[in-house]
Amino acid sequence: MFMASGYDEDPDVVLMLAVRGGDRGAFEALVRRHGESLVKFMVRYVGSESTAEDLAQEAFYRVFQAARTYEPTARFQT
């Protein structure tokens, strides 16, 4: 397993590696940790909370779909 220097203690990296291994509970934890802040961030750009929620859902869907190829080369939030 590849572990980039400095990321091995990042709780989001630990969760994403678990998601990569098939742990759906870890994915749910990531959504709980970042979902609200992602929606707030997107509301500032699109001006609509419902659109921002849809975009956040799409973003997390894409994270889930790509999890099997995840490599910790940057912070999860980026």
Protein backbone atom coordinates (compact mmCIF):
# COMPACT_ATOMS: atom_id res chain seq x y z
CA MET A 1 0.00 0.00 0.00
CA PHE A 2 1.30 3.45 -0.94
CA MET A 3 1.29 6.00 1.85
CA ALA A 4 2.44 9.48 0.95
CA SER A 5 4.57 11.20 3.54
CA GLY A 6 2.53 13.37 5.86
CA TYR A 7 -0.82 11.81 5.01
CA ASP A 8 -0.53 8.61 7.03
CA GLU A 9 -2.06 10.23 10.11
CA ASP A 10 -4.83 12.10 8.28
CA PRO A 11 -8.18 10.62 9.42
CA ASP A 12 -9.70 11.29 6.00
CA VAL A 13 -6.93 9.27 4.32
CA VAL A 14 -7.56 6.43 6.77
CA LEU A 15 -11.27 6.57 5.94
CA MET A 16 -10.67 6.70 2.17
CA LEU A 17 -8.34 3.73 2.36
CA ALA A 18 -11.09 1.87 4.20
CA VAL A 19 -13.59 2.92 1.52
CA ARG A 20 -11.15 1.67 -1.11
CA GLY A 21 -11.23 -1.65 0.73
CA GLY A 22 -15.03 -1.78 0.54
CA ASP A 23 -16.01 -0.29 3.92
CA ARG A 24 -19.28 1.56 3.32
CA GLY A 25 -19.36 2.74 6.93
CA ALA A 26 -16.13 4.65 6.30
CA PHE A 27 -17.77 6.34 3.31
CA GLU A 28 -20.73 7.33 5.46
CA ALA A 29 -18.29 8.78 7.99
CA LEU A 30 -16.68 10.89 5.25
CA VAL A 31 -20.08 12.19 4.18
CA ARG A 32 -20.92 13.07 7.80
CA ARG A 33 -17.54 14.81 8.23
CA HIS A 34 -17.65 16.87 5.03
CA GLY A 35 -21.19 16.94 3.66
CA GLU A 36 -22.45 20.04 5.42
CA SER A 37 -19.35 22.12 4.70
CA LEU A 38 -19.39 21.04 1.05
CA VAL A 39 -23.01 22.11 0.66
CA LYS A 40 -22.27 25.48 2.30
CA PHE A 41 -19.28 25.96 0.00
CA MET A 42 -21.37 25.19 -3.08
CA VAL A 43 -24.26 27.42 -2.01
CA ARG A 44 -21.88 30.38 -2.21
CA TYR A 45 -21.24 29.55 -5.88
CA VAL A 46 -24.64 28.47 -7.13
CA GLY A 47 -26.92 30.49 -4.85
CA SER A 48 -29.37 27.63 -4.30
CA GLU A 49 -29.28 25.21 -1.40
CA SER A 50 -31.17 22.50 -3.28
CA THR A 51 -28.79 22.74 -6.25
CA ALA A 52 -25.82 22.74 -3.87
CA GLU A 53 -27.17 19.59 -2.18
CA ASP A 54 -27.54 17.90 -5.58
CA LEU A 55 -23.99 18.87 -6.52
CA ALA A 56 -22.62 17.63 -3.20
CA GLN A 57 -24.43 14.33 -3.68
CA GLU A 58 -22.92 14.03 -7.15
CA ALA A 59 -19.45 14.83 -5.80
CA PHE A 60 -19.72 12.15 -3.12
CA TYR A 61 -21.08 9.68 -5.67
CA ARG A 62 -18.00 10.29 -7.80
CA VAL A 63 -15.72 9.87 -4.78
CA PHE A 64 -17.40 6.54 -4.04
CA GLN A 65 -17.13 5.39 -7.66
CA ALA A 66 -13.43 6.29 -7.82
CA ALA A 67 -12.54 4.94 -4.36
CA ARG A 68 -11.08 1.69 -5.69
CA THR A 69 -8.31 3.65 -7.40
CA TYR A 70 -7.70 6.12 -4.55
CA GLU A 71 -4.10 6.91 -3.68
CA PRO A 72 -3.35 9.34 -0.83
CA THR A 73 -1.38 11.97 -2.72
CA ALA A 74 -3.29 15.00 -1.40
CA ARG A 75 -5.65 15.94 1.39
CA PHE A 76 -9.16 14.55 0.94
CA GLN A 77 -10.72 18.02 1.15
CA THR A 78 -8.90 19.14 -1.96
